[in-house]
Amino acid sequence: DKEKAGVRVYAEVLNLSKEFRAKLDESLASPLAFDQIIFENLNSRDQAFAYVAATWMMGADDDIDEKEKALVDRLATTFGFDAAKRADLDAIAKDLSKTTGDRKWADEIVARCK
């Protein structure tokens, strides 16, 4: 629940439209299975963004579940990330968890996922 709340907060931070936030709420209520998600249209920056966001969300509640870890591992495999790329992106996600004050998570993640 804390992770879902985090998604909702950052949807507002990113200034997503009301319609998109409504679709997001629907998705959070009944998420798609991993195999139903279409990743083929994501460019490398979007893949990095998705991976960092997933990694950050995995630790948002300070309780990393094995199921969450397996999904993040599967995401990295799907995107073809090697160990070095994962380490770089994991470091970004870890640094984002320290974001406080006038540093904004949304700005940080967009700037770093190039």
C-alpha atoms as a PDB file:
ATOM      1  CA  ASP A   1       0.000   0.000   0.000  1.00  0.00           C
ATOM      2  CA  LYS A   2       2.859   2.379   0.762  1.00  0.00           C
ATOM      3  CA  GLU A   3       4.287   1.708  -2.698  1.00  0.00           C
ATOM      4  CA  LYS A   4       0.933   2.434  -4.351  1.00  0.00           C
ATOM      5  CA  ALA A   5       0.681   5.661  -2.381  1.00  0.00           C
ATOM      6  CA  GLY A   6       4.159   6.569  -3.599  1.00  0.00           C
ATOM      7  CA  VAL A   7       3.113   6.040  -7.207  1.00  0.00           C
ATOM      8  CA  ARG A   8       0.112   8.302  -6.704  1.00  0.00           C
ATOM      9  CA  VAL A   9       2.212  11.033  -5.105  1.00  0.00           C
ATOM     10  CA  TYR A  10       4.735  11.016  -7.928  1.00  0.00           C
ATOM     11  CA  ALA A  11       1.966  11.010 -10.524  1.00  0.00           C
ATOM     12  CA  GLU A  12       0.977  14.349  -9.035  1.00  0.00           C
ATOM     13  CA  VAL A  13       4.589  15.523  -8.809  1.00  0.00           C
ATOM     14  CA  LEU A  14       5.013  14.734 -12.499  1.00  0.00           C
ATOM     15  CA  ASN A  15       1.829  16.724 -13.129  1.00  0.00           C
ATOM     16  CA  LEU A  16       0.135  13.868 -14.963  1.00  0.00           C
ATOM     17  CA  SER A  17      -3.319  14.624 -16.274  1.00  0.00           C
ATOM     18  CA  LYS A  18      -6.401  13.758 -14.226  1.00  0.00           C
ATOM     19  CA  GLU A  19      -7.376  11.211 -16.882  1.00  0.00           C
ATOM     20  CA  PHE A  20      -3.970   9.535 -16.761  1.00  0.00           C
ATOM     21  CA  ARG A  21      -4.036   9.439 -12.955  1.00  0.00           C
ATOM     22  CA  ALA A  22      -7.475   7.759 -13.153  1.00  0.00           C
ATOM     23  CA  LYS A  23      -6.028   5.100 -15.488  1.00  0.00           C
ATOM     24  CA  LEU A  24      -3.094   4.727 -13.126  1.00  0.00           C
ATOM     25  CA  ASP A  25      -5.474   4.125 -10.211  1.00  0.00           C
ATOM     26  CA  GLU A  26      -7.245   1.447 -12.263  1.00  0.00           C
ATOM     27  CA  SER A  27      -3.904  -0.196 -13.007  1.00  0.00           C
ATOM     28  CA  LEU A  28      -2.919  -0.147  -9.349  1.00  0.00           C
ATOM     29  CA  ALA A  29      -6.238  -1.737  -8.411  1.00  0.00           C
ATOM     30  CA  SER A  30      -5.802  -4.579 -10.905  1.00  0.00           C
ATOM     31  CA  PRO A  31      -2.263  -4.714 -12.307  1.00  0.00           C
ATOM     32  CA  LEU A  32      -1.363  -6.515 -15.525  1.00  0.00           C
ATOM     33  CA  ALA A  33       0.725  -9.645 -15.478  1.00  0.00           C
ATOM     34  CA  PHE A  34       4.332  -9.035 -16.514  1.00  0.00           C
ATOM     35  CA  ASP A  35       3.816 -10.951 -19.773  1.00  0.00           C
ATOM     36  CA  GLN A  36       0.963  -8.628 -20.757  1.00  0.00           C
ATOM     37  CA  ILE A  37       3.067  -5.461 -20.609  1.00  0.00           C
ATOM     38  CA  ILE A  38       4.347  -4.237 -23.973  1.00  0.00           C
ATOM     39  CA  PHE A  39       7.966  -3.141 -23.616  1.00  0.00           C
ATOM     40  CA  GLU A  40       8.998  -3.197 -27.283  1.00  0.00           C
ATOM     41  CA  ASN A  41       8.120   0.452 -27.907  1.00  0.00           C
ATOM     42  CA  LEU A  42      10.346   1.791 -25.118  1.00  0.00           C
ATOM     43  CA  ASN A  43      13.556   3.512 -26.162  1.00  0.00           C
ATOM     44  CA  SER A  44      16.712   3.132 -24.075  1.00  0.00           C
ATOM     45  CA  ARG A  45      15.962   6.221 -21.953  1.00  0.00           C
ATOM     46  CA  ASP A  46      12.431   4.993 -21.208  1.00  0.00           C
ATOM     47  CA  GLN A  47      13.808   1.553 -20.319  1.00  0.00           C
ATOM     48  CA  ALA A  48      16.282   3.129 -17.909  1.00  0.00           C
ATOM     49  CA  PHE A  49      13.523   5.266 -16.404  1.00  0.00           C
ATOM     50  CA  ALA A  50      11.242   2.235 -15.969  1.00  0.00           C
ATOM     51  CA  TYR A  51      14.007   0.189 -14.364  1.00  0.00           C
ATOM     52  CA  VAL A  52      15.073   2.952 -11.959  1.00  0.00           C
ATOM     53  CA  ALA A  53      11.448   3.648 -11.016  1.00  0.00           C
ATOM     54  CA  ALA A  54      10.786  -0.064 -10.408  1.00  0.00           C
ATOM     55  CA  THR A  55      13.973  -0.434  -8.374  1.00  0.00           C
ATOM     56  CA  TRP A  56      13.206   2.658  -6.316  1.00  0.00           C
ATOM     57  CA  MET A  57       9.609   1.515  -5.724  1.00  0.00           C
ATOM     58  CA  MET A  58      10.833  -1.931  -4.684  1.00  0.00           C
ATOM     59  CA  GLY A  59      12.569  -0.330  -1.718  1.00  0.00           C
ATOM     60  CA  ALA A  60      10.059   2.433  -1.008  1.00  0.00           C
ATOM     61  CA  ASP A  61       8.687   0.626   2.025  1.00  0.00           C
ATOM     62  CA  ASP A  62      12.130  -0.516   3.238  1.00  0.00           C
ATOM     63  CA  ASP A  63      10.993  -4.123   2.797  1.00  0.00           C
ATOM     64  CA  ILE A  64      12.319  -5.760  -0.360  1.00  0.00           C
ATOM     65  CA  ASP A  65      10.176  -8.780  -1.065  1.00  0.00           C
ATOM     66  CA  GLU A  66      11.636 -11.682  -3.087  1.00  0.00           C
ATOM     67  CA  LYS A  67       8.736 -11.407  -5.538  1.00  0.00           C
ATOM     68  CA  GLU A  68       9.551  -7.726  -6.136  1.00  0.00           C
ATOM     69  CA  LYS A  69      13.227  -8.530  -6.605  1.00  0.00           C
ATOM     70  CA  ALA A  70      12.371 -11.276  -9.098  1.00  0.00           C
ATOM     71  CA  LEU A  71      10.227  -8.856 -11.121  1.00  0.00           C
ATOM     72  CA  VAL A  72      12.997  -6.228 -11.203  1.00  0.00           C
ATOM     73  CA  ASP A  73      15.480  -8.922 -12.255  1.00  0.00           C
ATOM     74  CA  ARG A  74      13.101 -10.003 -14.994  1.00  0.00           C
ATOM     75  CA  LEU A  75      12.702  -6.404 -16.142  1.00  0.00           C
ATOM     76  CA  ALA A  76      16.491  -6.018 -16.417  1.00  0.00           C
ATOM     77  CA  THR A  77      16.691  -9.234 -18.415  1.00  0.00           C
ATOM     78  CA  THR A  78      13.851  -8.124 -20.697  1.00  0.00           C
ATOM     79  CA  PHE A  79      15.678  -4.852 -21.384  1.00  0.00           C
ATOM     80  CA  GLY A  80      18.979  -6.674 -21.929  1.00  0.00           C
ATOM     81  CA  PHE A  81      20.814  -4.794 -19.182  1.00  0.00           C
ATOM     82  CA  ASP A  82      24.214  -6.194 -18.298  1.00  0.00           C
ATOM     83  CA  ALA A  83      25.650  -6.125 -14.778  1.00  0.00           C
ATOM     84  CA  ALA A  84      27.409  -2.779 -15.308  1.00  0.00           C
ATOM     85  CA  LYS A  85      24.256  -1.066 -16.601  1.00  0.00           C
ATOM     86  CA  ARG A  86      22.239  -2.473 -13.708  1.00  0.00           C
ATOM     87  CA  ALA A  87      24.834  -1.289 -11.204  1.00  0.00           C
ATOM     88  CA  ASP A  88      24.703   2.233 -12.654  1.00  0.00           C
ATOM     89  CA  LEU A  89      20.902   2.313 -12.572  1.00  0.00           C
ATOM     90  CA  ASP A  90      20.739   0.725  -9.114  1.00  0.00           C
ATOM     91  CA  ALA A  91      23.020   3.511  -7.851  1.00  0.00           C
ATOM     92  CA  ILE A  92      20.630   6.109  -9.289  1.00  0.00           C
ATOM     93  CA  ALA A  93      17.665   4.453  -7.568  1.00  0.00           C
ATOM     94  CA  LYS A  94      19.573   4.300  -4.278  1.00  0.00           C
ATOM     95  CA  ASP A  95      20.555   7.958  -4.565  1.00  0.00           C
ATOM     96  CA  LEU A  96      16.955   8.921  -5.332  1.00  0.00           C
ATOM     97  CA  SER A  97      15.828   7.368  -2.085  1.00  0.00           C
ATOM     98  CA  LYS A  98      17.925  10.046  -0.361  1.00  0.00           C
ATOM     99  CA  THR A  99      16.136  12.874  -2.223  1.00  0.00           C
ATOM    100  CA  THR A 100      14.993  15.496   0.244  1.00  0.00           C
ATOM    101  CA  GLY A 101      14.487  19.225   0.509  1.00  0.00           C
ATOM    102  CA  ASP A 102      14.606  21.088  -2.762  1.00  0.00           C
ATOM    103  CA  ARG A 103      15.845  18.061  -4.756  1.00  0.00           C
ATOM    104  CA  LYS A 104      12.862  16.669  -6.608  1.00  0.00           C
ATOM    105  CA  TRP A 105      12.670  12.952  -7.385  1.00  0.00           C
ATOM    106  CA  ALA A 106      10.958  13.487 -10.742  1.00  0.00           C
ATOM    107  CA  ASP A 107      13.592  15.964 -11.939  1.00  0.00           C
ATOM    108  CA  GLU A 108      16.417  13.733 -10.716  1.00  0.00           C
ATOM    109  CA  ILE A 109      15.189  10.587 -12.413  1.00  0.00           C
ATOM    110  CA  VAL A 110      14.484  12.291 -15.740  1.00  0.00           C
ATOM    111  CA  ALA A 111      17.900  13.957 -15.758  1.00  0.00           C
ATOM    112  CA  ARG A 112      19.773  10.777 -14.903  1.00  0.00           C
ATOM    113  CA  CYS A 113      18.077   8.257 -17.207  1.00  0.00           C
ATOM    114  CA  LYS A 114      19.732   9.322 -20.439  1.00  0.00           C
END
